Structures are given as C-alpha cells and as structure tokens.
C-alpha cells in the first residue's frame, strides 16, 4: 500500500515538473528573442525557421517511437492538427512577434498572462472544466486564476522601488539603436489588440489540443504534425510580408542559435511535454503555469541583461505563486471526471466494479443482473477486480 501510494504521488508530481520545465524552456526563448531583436532579425522569419527546425527534429523521432500511429491518422486528426498549427503555432506566434514590435517585449509578455483566464472560460464553455462557483474547489480555481493574472500584471506594470539583492553588471545585449527606436515608435493600441488576439488564439489551441489528444493519443506524432502544419503556414505568411532575401540567410551567430533553440527545444521538446501534461491534467492545468515564465524571465533578465529587480516584481511573484497553488489545490479537490483517462500507473492494474443494487428485485430469465423494475436503480462501487 505504501509503495503504491508513493508511486501515485510521484505520478501526480510528474505533470507539475513537466510544466515547470516547459516554462523554463520558454523563458530562455524569451531571452534569446531579445538577443535576436537586438541583432535586427525579422521575427516572422524566425518563427518560420523555428517550426521548420522543429519538424525536422520531431518527424524522425515520431517515426522511431510511435510508428504505429501512422495507421491511426485520419482526416479528423489532420484537420485538428491543422487547427493546432494555426492557432497554437503560426497565428499565435506571428501575432505575438508583431505586437512585440509595435509595443515592447515586456508588454507583450505581460499580455500572455491573459491565457489562463481565457482558457478557463473556453474550457468551461466546452465543458472541459467544471465551473462550480458554490464549491470550495471551484472558488479556488476562479480566485487562483484571477490572482495569477493580477500578479502578472503587477510584475510587469508596477516597478516600485529597486531592490539591490544582487548586482552582476552583466549585459549581453549590443543595444542596436535602430531596433530600439522602431520599438518606441510602435502603435500601442494596435499592438495591444494583437496581443489580446494572440492570447485568444493560444487558449483556443489548448482546447483543440485536448480534443486532438483524445482522438490521437500520440504525443510526439501530434506535436510533429502540429509543427509541420505551422511550418507551411508560417513560411507562407513570412514570404508574403518579407521579400528581402538577405533576411533569410544566417550564419554561425545568434540567429542560428535563436532558430535552433526555439525550434528544437521549445517547439520540439517543450511542446511534446506540454501535450503529455494536457492529456494527464487538462488544458486549464497547463495554462495556469504560464505566469511562471515571467518570474523566470525577470530573474534571467536581472542576471544576464543587468535589469534591476523592483518591489513590484516581488509582489507580483508572490501573487502568481499563490494563485498557481490555489488553482492546483482546487483541481486536486475535484472528483474524477466521467470518461477521464486514467494515469499510466493505474490503467494496467486497477478496475472499478460497478454493481447495480436495489431494494426490490426483478429477475430476468438468463440474466445475471438484479434490477428494480419499479424504482430507479442505485449505483454502488464494488471492490477492485485484480
């Protein structure tokens, strides 16, 4: 019993660690994005190359690990993969980078913290999450989501007094004045609207991804198909808007590092891990970890970009962590959903025997069930069948 409980506890911790790993990888990508912007790289081209690198990395891996998945690819799977690539890949990323240029990197990063709230609303509308305001778990999920978004907004927009916790005096940016001038002259209103559209697209992707995993439960193959679709869509978009072929070339520099890291690590490995977490815990569970990226970015920026840590960062971080654990606590208090996929540790050796019980008996010839013909039968859960 003790070993089984320990194993189940470890299995429940794996999705949490997986999403922390995902947000750490995405935080590193934001730092590299800053370096690519400083180098003057067109981020639409970076997005196209990113998914191309991810596709080249994931397709052989999917064929090696999940070869049997080829037989289960249907038109429905292809269509869901196309929508995932559109909303979670090409459309969301290109909206993000355009808003990044029209506003600022810190503003665009802050707007992504609207994703948990939008995902919660969409998941409730599609009945993927239970909206139970009267229960303690439902209140914890709602309040935790609001606290996470509010903390992210404070972390981004309220600086407060500077805190001299550590001083590295390290700044790896070259400070390209032309790029920074373009960022300052951006249209704030249009950039804000594009950032909101980016969040809605990504929240829609999380919902569609949950449906895709139900139909096609192969993490690596589904991610490879997503990246392949996003590659086609992103290249089409970039070729229409960027005809300067010198922007498409890169050498052994920060541009190659940006493309390879964002493609192989983020779009390849991190998307695969996130798909697995969505299968285990649902889309809301994956989305509430997004504010963690801001915390990691704030720390890395202070260490590598010589950015000062302010009081607002500490207050925002506290609210984000508090809201995160409130949502996780609320989900932990929920009863198991009907039709929810069991964990890998349980699906092989545990079954529930549901027995129909009643106070009055009605026997049928040749049948083994005992059912009350006049009263509504009551369900009780029998012992596990090993």
Protein backbone atom coordinates (compact mmCIF):
# COMPACT_ATOMS: atom_id res chain seq x y z
CA UNK A 1 0.00 0.00 0.00
CA UNK A 2 2.78 2.42 0.93
CA UNK A 3 4.69 1.72 -2.28
CA UNK A 4 1.54 2.17 -4.39
CA UNK A 5 0.75 5.47 -2.67
CA UNK A 6 4.30 6.67 -3.21
CA UNK A 7 4.12 5.70 -6.87
CA UNK A 8 0.81 7.53 -7.32
CA UNK A 9 2.26 10.60 -5.61
CA UNK A 10 5.24 10.55 -7.93
CA UNK A 11 2.94 10.17 -10.94
CA UNK A 12 0.92 13.19 -9.82
CA UNK A 13 4.09 15.24 -9.47
CA UNK A 14 5.34 14.48 -12.98
CA UNK A 15 2.90 16.84 -14.80
CA UNK A 16 3.83 19.65 -12.39
CA UNK A 17 7.55 19.15 -13.02
CA UNK A 18 6.85 18.84 -16.73
CA UNK A 19 5.09 22.20 -16.91
CA UNK A 20 7.82 23.87 -14.83
CA UNK A 21 10.34 22.52 -17.36
CA UNK A 22 8.20 23.85 -20.22
CA UNK A 23 8.00 27.35 -18.76
CA UNK A 24 11.75 27.36 -18.03
CA UNK A 25 12.43 26.50 -21.67
CA UNK A 26 10.06 29.19 -22.90
CA UNK A 27 11.66 31.74 -20.55
CA UNK A 28 15.04 31.00 -22.09
CA UNK A 29 13.50 31.51 -25.51
CA UNK A 30 12.31 34.99 -24.50
CA UNK A 31 15.86 35.95 -23.53
CA UNK A 32 17.12 34.67 -26.88
CA UNK A 33 14.30 36.54 -28.63
CA UNK A 34 15.61 39.74 -27.05
CA UNK A 35 19.04 38.99 -28.46
CA UNK A 36 17.55 38.28 -31.91
CA UNK A 37 15.61 41.55 -31.83
CA UNK A 38 18.75 43.39 -30.82
CA UNK A 39 20.52 41.81 -33.80
CA UNK A 40 17.82 43.08 -36.16
CA UNK A 41 16.40 39.69 -37.19
CA UNK A 42 12.90 39.56 -38.67
CA UNK A 43 10.93 37.56 -36.10
CA UNK A 44 8.43 36.35 -38.70
CA UNK A 45 11.32 34.59 -40.41
CA UNK A 46 12.49 33.31 -37.04
CA UNK A 47 9.01 31.83 -36.49
CA UNK A 48 9.06 30.09 -39.87
CA UNK A 49 12.53 28.63 -39.34
CA UNK A 50 11.62 27.71 -35.78
CA UNK A 51 8.85 25.36 -36.85
CA UNK A 52 10.92 24.04 -39.74
CA UNK A 53 13.70 23.01 -37.35
CA UNK A 54 11.12 21.51 -35.01
CA UNK A 55 9.57 19.48 -37.83
CA UNK A 56 12.93 18.13 -38.97
CA UNK A 57 13.71 17.13 -35.39
CA UNK A 58 10.33 15.62 -34.49
CA UNK A 59 9.30 13.69 -37.62
CA UNK A 60 12.12 11.09 -37.40
CA UNK A 61 11.64 10.88 -33.64
CA UNK A 62 7.91 10.27 -34.03
CA UNK A 63 8.53 7.61 -36.69
CA UNK A 64 11.01 5.88 -34.40
CA UNK A 65 8.96 5.98 -31.19
CA UNK A 66 5.38 5.91 -32.47
CA UNK A 67 5.46 4.13 -35.81
CA UNK A 68 2.07 2.52 -35.20
CA UNK A 69 0.46 5.96 -35.03
CA UNK A 70 0.62 6.19 -38.84
CA UNK A 71 -2.25 3.72 -39.11
CA UNK A 72 -4.49 5.92 -36.93
CA UNK A 73 -4.05 9.18 -38.85
CA UNK A 74 -7.47 10.16 -40.18
CA UNK A 75 -8.85 13.26 -41.83
CA UNK A 76 -10.16 14.35 -38.44
CA UNK A 77 -6.64 14.09 -36.97
CA UNK A 78 -5.21 16.03 -39.92
CA UNK A 79 -7.83 18.77 -39.54
CA UNK A 80 -7.27 19.06 -35.78
CA UNK A 81 -3.50 19.19 -36.38
CA UNK A 82 -4.03 21.93 -38.95
CA UNK A 83 -6.07 23.96 -36.45
CA UNK A 84 -3.49 23.36 -33.70
CA UNK A 85 -0.72 24.51 -36.01
CA UNK A 86 -2.75 27.56 -36.99
CA UNK A 87 -3.92 28.74 -33.56
CA UNK A 88 -1.05 27.47 -31.38
CA UNK A 89 1.74 27.87 -33.91
CA UNK A 90 1.69 30.20 -36.90
CA UNK A 91 -1.11 32.58 -35.94
CA UNK A 92 -0.31 32.91 -32.23
CA UNK A 93 3.44 33.30 -32.74
CA UNK A 94 3.17 35.82 -35.58
CA UNK A 95 0.60 37.88 -33.70
CA UNK A 96 2.94 37.82 -30.74
CA UNK A 97 6.02 39.00 -32.64
CA UNK A 98 4.10 41.75 -34.43
CA UNK A 99 2.73 43.00 -31.11
CA UNK A 100 6.28 42.70 -29.79
CA UNK A 101 7.48 45.15 -32.43
CA UNK A 102 4.57 47.55 -32.11
CA UNK A 103 4.74 47.78 -28.31
CA UNK A 104 7.57 46.29 -26.27
CA UNK A 105 8.82 42.90 -25.20
CA UNK A 106 7.76 43.35 -21.58
CA UNK A 107 4.22 44.45 -22.56
CA UNK A 108 3.73 41.56 -24.98
CA UNK A 109 4.99 39.08 -22.38
CA UNK A 110 2.59 40.51 -19.81
CA UNK A 111 -0.41 40.16 -22.11
CA UNK A 112 0.22 36.42 -22.45
CA UNK A 113 -0.88 36.05 -18.84
CA UNK A 114 -4.44 36.53 -20.01
CA UNK A 115 -4.24 32.98 -21.38
CA UNK A 116 -5.26 31.20 -18.12
CA UNK A 117 -8.42 33.30 -17.77
CA UNK A 118 -9.35 32.87 -21.44
CA UNK A 119 -8.63 29.14 -21.28
CA UNK A 120 -10.75 28.77 -18.16
CA UNK A 121 -13.70 30.47 -19.89
CA UNK A 122 -13.32 28.44 -23.10
CA UNK A 123 -12.83 25.19 -21.18
CA UNK A 124 -15.98 25.88 -19.17
CA UNK A 125 -17.95 26.65 -22.34
CA UNK A 126 -16.77 23.41 -23.97
CA UNK A 127 -17.41 21.54 -20.69
CA UNK A 128 -13.78 20.50 -20.34
CA UNK A 129 -13.65 22.18 -16.93
CA UNK A 130 -16.39 22.23 -14.33
CA UNK A 131 -17.50 25.74 -13.33
CA UNK A 132 -18.79 25.15 -9.80
CA UNK A 133 -18.86 28.52 -8.08
CA UNK A 134 -20.63 27.22 -5.00
CA UNK A 135 -17.97 24.62 -4.20
CA UNK A 136 -14.70 25.41 -2.47
CA UNK A 137 -12.64 23.86 -5.29
CA UNK A 138 -14.44 25.94 -7.93
CA UNK A 139 -13.93 29.13 -5.95
CA UNK A 140 -10.24 28.29 -5.52
CA UNK A 141 -9.79 27.79 -9.28
CA UNK A 142 -11.53 31.05 -10.14
CA UNK A 143 -9.76 33.10 -7.46
CA UNK A 144 -6.41 31.45 -8.22
CA UNK A 145 -6.71 32.28 -11.92
CA UNK A 146 -7.56 35.91 -11.11
CA UNK A 147 -4.67 36.16 -8.64
CA UNK A 148 -2.25 34.73 -11.21
CA UNK A 149 -3.30 37.22 -13.88
CA UNK A 150 -3.29 40.11 -11.38
CA UNK A 151 0.14 39.15 -10.10
CA UNK A 152 1.50 39.00 -13.63
CA UNK A 153 0.12 42.46 -14.34
CA UNK A 154 1.73 43.87 -11.18
CA UNK A 155 5.00 42.15 -12.04
CA UNK A 156 5.00 43.81 -15.43
CA UNK A 157 3.46 47.27 -14.99
CA UNK A 158 4.33 48.20 -11.41
CA UNK A 159 8.03 48.58 -10.70
CA UNK A 160 8.20 50.18 -7.27
CA UNK A 161 11.48 50.85 -5.54
CA UNK A 162 14.57 48.98 -6.79
CA UNK A 163 15.87 46.15 -4.65
CA UNK A 164 19.63 45.67 -4.61
CA UNK A 165 19.55 41.92 -3.98
CA UNK A 166 22.36 41.11 -6.38
CA UNK A 167 24.44 43.04 -8.88
CA UNK A 168 26.16 41.26 -11.75
CA UNK A 169 26.73 44.22 -14.13
CA UNK A 170 26.37 41.72 -16.99
CA UNK A 171 24.57 42.84 -20.14
CA UNK A 172 24.79 40.60 -23.20
CA UNK A 173 22.78 42.96 -25.44
CA UNK A 174 24.55 45.03 -28.07
CA UNK A 175 21.93 47.81 -27.89
CA UNK A 176 21.03 48.22 -31.56
CA UNK A 177 19.68 51.78 -31.52
CA UNK A 178 17.75 51.33 -34.79
CA UNK A 179 15.78 48.39 -33.41
CA UNK A 180 15.04 50.11 -30.11
CA UNK A 181 13.88 53.23 -31.99
CA UNK A 182 11.47 51.08 -34.03
CA UNK A 183 10.09 49.60 -30.82
CA UNK A 184 9.50 53.03 -29.29
CA UNK A 185 7.66 54.27 -32.37
CA UNK A 186 5.23 51.34 -32.44
CA UNK A 187 1.47 51.72 -32.31
CA UNK A 188 0.46 50.86 -28.74
CA UNK A 189 -3.26 50.39 -29.44
CA UNK A 190 -2.85 48.04 -32.41
CA UNK A 191 -0.10 46.15 -30.62
CA UNK A 192 -2.32 45.66 -27.58
CA UNK A 193 -5.17 44.32 -29.70
CA UNK A 194 -2.82 41.92 -31.47
CA UNK A 195 -1.51 40.68 -28.13
CA UNK A 196 -5.07 40.00 -26.93
CA UNK A 197 -5.79 38.13 -30.17
CA UNK A 198 -2.60 36.12 -29.60
CA UNK A 199 -3.83 35.07 -26.15
CA UNK A 200 -7.21 34.04 -27.52
CA UNK A 201 -5.56 32.01 -30.26
CA UNK A 202 -3.33 30.21 -27.78
CA UNK A 203 -6.24 29.48 -25.43
CA UNK A 204 -8.15 28.07 -28.41
CA UNK A 205 -5.13 25.91 -29.23
CA UNK A 206 -5.12 24.41 -25.73
CA UNK A 207 -8.77 23.41 -26.14
CA UNK A 208 -8.23 21.90 -29.61
CA UNK A 209 -5.08 20.13 -28.41
CA UNK A 210 -7.10 18.40 -25.69
CA UNK A 211 -9.52 17.13 -28.35
CA UNK A 212 -6.64 16.01 -30.56
CA UNK A 213 -5.05 14.01 -27.76
CA UNK A 214 -8.37 12.26 -27.09
CA UNK A 215 -8.63 11.22 -30.74
CA UNK A 216 -4.92 10.69 -31.42
CA UNK A 217 -3.10 9.87 -28.13
CA UNK A 218 0.46 10.04 -29.50
CA UNK A 219 2.40 12.96 -28.02
CA UNK A 220 5.40 13.05 -30.35
CA UNK A 221 3.43 12.39 -33.54
CA UNK A 222 0.77 15.01 -32.74
CA UNK A 223 3.47 17.59 -32.00
CA UNK A 224 5.30 16.72 -35.22
CA UNK A 225 2.11 17.20 -37.22
CA UNK A 226 1.44 20.50 -35.44
CA UNK A 227 4.91 21.79 -36.28
CA UNK A 228 4.64 20.59 -39.90
CA UNK A 229 1.37 22.48 -40.33
CA UNK A 230 2.78 25.55 -38.60
CA UNK A 231 5.85 25.43 -40.86
CA UNK A 232 3.76 25.64 -44.02
CA UNK A 233 1.56 28.39 -42.60
CA UNK A 234 4.47 30.42 -41.17
CA UNK A 235 6.55 30.24 -44.37
CA UNK A 236 3.54 31.37 -46.42
CA UNK A 237 2.98 34.32 -44.09
CA UNK A 238 6.68 35.29 -43.97
CA UNK A 239 7.17 35.04 -47.74
CA UNK A 240 4.22 37.35 -48.34
CA UNK A 241 5.47 40.05 -45.97
CA UNK A 242 9.26 39.71 -46.24
CA UNK A 243 10.83 39.74 -49.74
CA UNK A 244 14.32 40.79 -48.64
CA UNK A 245 16.26 37.54 -49.16
CA UNK A 246 19.20 38.76 -47.09
CA UNK A 247 16.95 38.42 -44.03
CA UNK A 248 16.50 34.72 -44.77
CA UNK A 249 20.23 33.95 -44.52
CA UNK A 250 22.10 33.39 -41.28
CA UNK A 251 25.50 32.08 -40.23
CA UNK A 252 27.01 30.78 -37.00
CA UNK A 253 25.56 33.60 -34.92
CA UNK A 254 22.71 34.49 -32.59
CA UNK A 255 20.22 33.99 -35.41
CA UNK A 256 21.16 30.34 -35.82
CA UNK A 257 21.06 29.90 -32.04
CA UNK A 258 17.61 31.51 -31.87
CA UNK A 259 16.24 29.31 -34.63
CA UNK A 260 17.73 26.06 -33.33
CA UNK A 261 16.83 26.65 -29.67
CA UNK A 262 13.29 27.85 -30.30
CA UNK A 263 12.71 25.10 -32.86
CA UNK A 264 14.30 22.01 -31.34
CA UNK A 265 13.99 22.78 -27.63
CA UNK A 266 10.79 24.86 -27.42
CA UNK A 267 8.64 23.81 -30.37
CA UNK A 268 10.02 20.28 -30.33
CA UNK A 269 10.72 19.02 -26.83
CA UNK A 270 8.65 21.50 -24.81
CA UNK A 271 5.52 21.14 -26.97
CA UNK A 272 5.76 17.36 -26.61
CA UNK A 273 5.99 17.61 -22.83
CA UNK A 274 3.09 20.08 -22.75
CA UNK A 275 0.93 17.76 -24.88
CA UNK A 276 1.58 14.97 -22.39
CA UNK A 277 0.63 17.23 -19.48
CA UNK A 278 -2.59 18.28 -21.23
CA UNK A 279 -3.51 14.64 -21.68
CA UNK A 280 -2.93 13.93 -17.99
CA UNK A 281 -4.42 17.03 -16.35
CA UNK A 282 -6.38 19.01 -18.96
CA UNK A 283 -5.90 22.39 -20.70
CA UNK A 284 -6.51 24.57 -17.63
CA UNK A 285 -3.75 22.82 -15.70
CA UNK A 286 -1.27 23.58 -18.48
CA UNK A 287 -2.31 27.21 -18.86
CA UNK A 288 -2.03 28.22 -15.20
CA UNK A 289 1.73 27.67 -15.36
CA UNK A 290 2.20 30.47 -17.90
CA UNK A 291 2.80 33.18 -15.25
CA UNK A 292 5.84 31.23 -14.06
CA UNK A 293 7.59 32.24 -17.26
CA UNK A 294 7.52 35.90 -16.18
CA UNK A 295 9.18 35.03 -12.88
CA UNK A 296 12.00 33.18 -14.62
CA UNK A 297 12.37 35.90 -17.25
CA UNK A 298 12.62 38.54 -14.51
CA UNK A 299 15.39 36.57 -12.79
CA UNK A 300 17.32 35.85 -16.01
CA UNK A 301 16.95 39.46 -17.15
CA UNK A 302 18.41 40.75 -13.89
CA UNK A 303 21.31 38.29 -14.08
CA UNK A 304 22.13 38.49 -17.81
CA UNK A 305 20.71 41.81 -19.02
CA UNK A 306 21.62 43.96 -15.98
CA UNK A 307 17.98 44.76 -15.28
CA UNK A 308 17.18 45.76 -11.71
CA UNK A 309 14.75 43.79 -9.55
CA UNK A 310 11.97 46.02 -8.17
CA UNK A 311 9.39 45.73 -5.41
CA UNK A 312 6.66 45.16 -7.98
CA UNK A 313 8.47 42.06 -9.20
CA UNK A 314 8.47 40.57 -5.70
CA UNK A 315 4.80 41.38 -5.07
CA UNK A 316 3.74 40.07 -8.46
CA UNK A 317 5.74 36.88 -7.99
CA UNK A 318 4.08 36.25 -4.63
CA UNK A 319 0.58 36.64 -6.10
CA UNK A 320 1.44 34.43 -9.07
CA UNK A 321 2.71 31.59 -6.89
CA UNK A 322 -0.25 31.97 -4.51
CA UNK A 323 -2.74 31.87 -7.39
CA UNK A 324 -0.95 28.95 -9.02
CA UNK A 325 -1.18 26.77 -5.94
CA UNK A 326 -4.80 27.78 -5.33
CA UNK A 327 -5.75 26.50 -8.78
CA UNK A 328 -3.75 23.31 -8.28
CA UNK A 329 -5.39 22.81 -4.89
CA UNK A 330 -8.82 23.34 -6.42
CA UNK A 331 -8.14 20.81 -9.16
CA UNK A 332 -6.84 18.34 -6.59
CA UNK A 333 -10.11 18.62 -4.65
CA UNK A 334 -12.23 17.87 -7.72
CA UNK A 335 -13.81 14.42 -8.13
CA UNK A 336 -12.64 12.36 -11.08
CA UNK A 337 -14.42 13.27 -14.30
CA UNK A 338 -16.52 10.73 -16.15
CA UNK A 339 -14.54 9.42 -19.07
CA UNK A 340 -11.27 10.88 -17.82
CA UNK A 341 -8.28 8.88 -18.93
CA UNK A 342 -6.59 7.01 -16.06
CA UNK A 343 -2.94 7.55 -15.34
CA UNK A 344 -0.39 5.12 -16.71
CA UNK A 345 0.34 3.84 -13.22
CA UNK A 346 -3.30 2.86 -12.69
CA UNK A 347 -4.66 1.78 -16.02
CA UNK A 348 -2.93 -1.61 -16.06
CA UNK A 349 -3.77 -2.93 -12.62
CA UNK A 350 -6.88 -1.22 -11.32
CA UNK A 351 -10.54 -1.54 -12.33
CA UNK A 352 -13.77 -0.38 -10.73
CA UNK A 353 -16.61 -2.88 -10.48
CA UNK A 354 -19.93 -1.02 -10.64
CA UNK A 355 -22.80 -3.09 -9.24
CA UNK A 356 -26.46 -2.20 -9.63
CA UNK A 357 -28.25 -2.52 -6.29
CA UNK A 358 -31.90 -2.07 -5.36
CA UNK A 359 -34.28 -2.77 -2.57
CA UNK A 360 -36.73 -4.68 -4.77
CA UNK A 361 -35.66 -7.44 -7.13
CA UNK A 362 -36.74 -8.08 -10.69
CA UNK A 363 -35.16 -11.18 -12.24
CA UNK A 364 -34.86 -11.74 -15.93
CA UNK A 365 -34.52 -15.17 -17.46
CA UNK A 366 -30.98 -15.96 -18.44
CA UNK A 367 -29.68 -12.69 -16.95
CA UNK A 368 -27.28 -12.14 -14.12
CA UNK A 369 -28.25 -8.58 -13.22
CA UNK A 370 -30.72 -7.84 -10.46
CA UNK A 371 -32.62 -4.63 -11.22
CA UNK A 372 -35.57 -2.94 -9.57
CA UNK A 373 -38.21 -2.68 -12.27
CA UNK A 374 -40.29 -0.04 -10.49
CA UNK A 375 -37.73 2.07 -8.65
CA UNK A 376 -34.69 3.88 -10.02
CA UNK A 377 -31.63 1.65 -9.52
CA UNK A 378 -28.87 2.89 -7.24
CA UNK A 379 -25.20 2.56 -8.09
CA UNK A 380 -22.60 1.48 -5.61
CA UNK A 381 -18.90 0.91 -6.20
CA UNK A 382 -17.64 -2.60 -5.56
CA UNK A 383 -14.12 -3.63 -4.69
CA UNK A 384 -11.37 -3.53 -7.36
CA UNK A 385 -11.07 -6.54 -9.65
CA UNK A 386 -7.41 -7.53 -9.96
